[in-house]
Amino acid sequence: MVINMSNIFTNEVIKKLAELGLELPKNPPPPAGDYAPFRLLNGVGYLAAQTSGYDGTFQGQVGKDLTLEQGQKAAERTALYALARIHQALGGFDRLIGLAHVAGHVCSAPDFFDQPEVLNGASHVFNHALGERGQHSRTAYAPTQLPKHICIELEITFSYRE
């Protein structure tokens, strides 16, 4: 029996997502403008801002229009779309060395200060699905508005094998 070594980690990620009751999306939301959804440059990958989508499910300010828990769910969905984009960029996850940094923008009501807890929804998905490769540094921002009335935007930098 021949085992295809090139898909072992990709299959593991899909299995880990299933443990959370999640599935890798087939089509992440397209870019909202005239730019590339990702760039791969000399072992460093950059994702254009990832969102939870534009279907109206997660719109507005966390702490006003959305609860903390809804914000976490939006961050979780955004992380899934980010994983789908990395999968697309690398043709799977096997070339992924690891996430480097996640910058999270949480559209927030003026009196909402729990952005790190909202972003834990994304970090939990990355850490569970990717294991050690999912460990990342993170920054939380609290703008009062984001494009197209979305509530979460993630910027992700990762390293990969050429």
Protein backbone atom coordinates (compact mmCIF):
# COMPACT_ATOMS: atom_id res chain seq x y z
CA MET A 1 0.00 0.00 0.00
CA VAL A 2 1.37 3.40 -1.02
CA ILE A 3 0.63 6.35 1.25
CA ASN A 4 0.52 9.77 -0.34
CA MET A 5 2.84 11.62 2.05
CA SER A 6 1.99 15.00 0.53
CA ASN A 7 -1.53 15.08 2.03
CA ILE A 8 -0.98 13.74 5.54
CA PHE A 9 -1.12 17.08 7.35
CA THR A 10 -3.94 18.37 5.14
CA ASN A 11 -6.03 15.33 6.08
CA GLU A 12 -5.15 15.85 9.76
CA VAL A 13 -6.35 19.47 9.62
CA ILE A 14 -9.66 18.42 8.07
CA LYS A 15 -10.06 15.77 10.77
CA LYS A 16 -9.27 18.28 13.54
CA LEU A 17 -11.86 20.71 12.16
CA ALA A 18 -14.44 17.92 12.15
CA GLU A 19 -13.71 17.36 15.87
CA LEU A 20 -14.97 20.91 16.40
CA GLY A 21 -18.01 20.27 14.22
CA LEU A 22 -16.50 22.47 11.50
CA GLU A 23 -15.66 21.95 7.87
CA LEU A 24 -13.17 23.64 5.56
CA PRO A 25 -15.15 26.01 3.29
CA LYS A 26 -14.84 25.34 -0.43
CA ASN A 27 -15.12 28.98 -1.48
CA PRO A 28 -13.90 31.74 0.84
CA PRO A 29 -15.41 35.17 0.18
CA PRO A 30 -13.79 36.88 -2.82
CA PRO A 31 -11.73 40.04 -2.37
CA ALA A 32 -13.91 43.13 -2.01
CA GLY A 33 -11.75 45.11 -4.42
CA ASP A 34 -9.06 44.96 -7.08
CA TYR A 35 -6.36 43.04 -5.19
CA ALA A 36 -5.03 39.52 -4.81
CA PRO A 37 -6.55 37.32 -2.08
CA PHE A 38 -3.03 36.21 -1.06
CA ARG A 39 0.64 36.67 -1.89
CA LEU A 40 3.45 34.15 -1.51
CA LEU A 41 6.91 35.71 -1.38
CA ASN A 42 10.08 33.76 -0.54
CA GLY A 43 8.55 31.52 2.11
CA VAL A 44 6.26 34.15 3.62
CA GLY A 45 2.55 34.19 2.87
CA TYR A 46 0.24 37.17 3.29
CA LEU A 47 -3.52 36.90 3.25
CA ALA A 48 -5.62 39.86 2.23
CA ALA A 49 -8.04 40.74 5.02
CA GLN A 50 -10.29 37.79 5.75
CA THR A 51 -13.89 38.34 6.84
CA SER A 52 -16.81 36.24 8.02
CA GLY A 53 -18.48 36.92 4.66
CA TYR A 54 -20.98 39.38 3.33
CA ASP A 55 -24.22 37.44 3.84
CA GLY A 56 -25.44 39.77 6.59
CA THR A 57 -25.10 37.17 9.36
CA PHE A 58 -22.40 38.97 11.34
CA GLN A 59 -22.76 42.68 10.76
CA GLY A 60 -22.34 45.72 12.95
CA GLN A 61 -20.56 46.47 16.18
CA VAL A 62 -19.77 43.86 18.77
CA GLY A 63 -21.15 45.12 22.06
CA LYS A 64 -24.04 46.89 20.36
CA ASP A 65 -25.43 44.92 17.40
CA LEU A 66 -23.74 41.63 18.29
CA THR A 67 -22.97 39.90 21.58
CA LEU A 68 -19.52 38.72 22.63
CA GLU A 69 -20.56 35.17 21.73
CA GLN A 70 -21.75 36.22 18.27
CA GLY A 71 -18.45 38.03 17.78
CA GLN A 72 -16.58 34.85 18.70
CA LYS A 73 -18.67 32.89 16.18
CA ALA A 74 -17.87 35.50 13.51
CA ALA A 75 -14.17 35.18 14.37
CA GLU A 76 -14.45 31.38 14.15
CA ARG A 77 -16.06 31.61 10.70
CA THR A 78 -13.40 34.11 9.60
CA ALA A 79 -10.67 31.70 10.73
CA LEU A 80 -12.28 28.95 8.63
CA TYR A 81 -12.24 31.19 5.57
CA ALA A 82 -8.61 32.06 6.29
CA LEU A 83 -7.73 28.37 6.47
CA ALA A 84 -9.54 27.82 3.18
CA ARG A 85 -7.50 30.64 1.62
CA ILE A 86 -4.21 29.19 2.95
CA HIS A 87 -5.27 25.79 1.60
CA GLN A 88 -5.91 27.42 -1.78
CA ALA A 89 -2.62 29.34 -1.74
CA LEU A 90 -0.48 26.31 -0.88
CA GLY A 91 -2.49 23.55 -2.56
CA GLY A 92 -3.14 22.02 0.88
CA PHE A 93 -1.61 22.46 4.32
CA ASP A 94 1.43 20.21 4.00
CA ARG A 95 3.75 23.05 2.92
CA LEU A 96 2.60 25.24 5.81
CA ILE A 97 5.36 25.78 8.34
CA GLY A 98 3.11 27.84 10.57
CA LEU A 99 1.13 30.95 11.23
CA ALA A 100 3.29 33.88 12.24
CA HIS A 101 0.97 36.74 13.15
CA VAL A 102 -2.75 37.46 13.23
CA ALA A 103 -3.99 41.05 13.36
CA GLY A 104 -7.62 41.07 14.35
CA HIS A 105 -9.95 44.00 13.78
CA VAL A 106 -13.17 43.81 15.79
CA CYS A 107 -15.80 46.40 14.89
CA SER A 108 -16.67 47.54 18.40
CA ALA A 109 -19.17 49.67 20.23
CA PRO A 110 -17.42 52.56 22.02
CA ASP A 111 -17.90 50.91 25.42
CA PHE A 112 -16.86 47.37 24.35
CA PHE A 113 -13.40 46.30 25.51
CA ASP A 114 -13.31 42.50 25.11
CA GLN A 115 -11.70 42.32 21.65
CA PRO A 116 -9.15 39.69 22.77
CA GLU A 117 -11.97 37.39 23.88
CA VAL A 118 -13.73 37.85 20.53
CA LEU A 119 -10.55 36.96 18.65
CA ASN A 120 -10.12 33.84 20.76
CA GLY A 121 -12.84 32.39 18.51
CA ALA A 122 -10.34 32.50 15.63
CA SER A 123 -7.27 31.53 17.65
CA HIS A 124 -9.05 28.46 19.01
CA VAL A 125 -9.75 27.24 15.47
CA PHE A 126 -6.16 27.87 14.33
CA ASN A 127 -4.60 26.23 17.38
CA HIS A 128 -6.88 23.19 17.33
CA ALA A 129 -6.81 22.57 13.58
CA LEU A 130 -3.13 23.29 12.97
CA GLY A 131 -1.64 22.22 16.30
CA GLU A 132 1.82 23.67 16.81
CA ARG A 133 1.71 25.20 13.32
CA GLY A 134 -1.30 27.23 14.43
CA GLN A 135 0.51 29.04 17.25
CA HIS A 136 0.71 32.74 16.43
CA SER A 137 1.30 36.16 17.85
CA ARG A 138 -1.76 38.39 17.74
CA THR A 139 -2.83 42.00 17.88
CA ALA A 140 -6.38 43.17 18.59
CA TYR A 141 -7.75 46.41 17.16
CA ALA A 142 -11.09 48.03 18.00
CA PRO A 143 -12.33 50.19 15.12
CA THR A 144 -15.88 51.48 15.33
CA GLN A 145 -16.55 50.53 11.70
CA LEU A 146 -15.21 48.15 9.08
CA PRO A 147 -15.87 47.95 5.33
CA LYS A 148 -19.27 46.66 4.17
CA HIS A 149 -20.56 46.71 7.77
CA ILE A 150 -18.62 43.53 8.69
CA CYS A 151 -17.70 42.90 12.31
CA ILE A 152 -14.39 40.99 11.98
CA GLU A 153 -11.38 41.32 9.75
CA LEU A 154 -8.25 39.18 10.14
CA GLU A 155 -4.86 39.87 8.58
CA ILE A 156 -2.66 36.77 8.60
CA THR A 157 1.01 36.24 7.89
CA PHE A 158 2.36 32.67 7.66
CA SER A 159 5.49 30.82 6.61
CA TYR A 160 5.63 27.98 4.11
CA ARG A 161 8.06 25.66 2.36
CA GLU A 162 8.81 26.62 -1.24
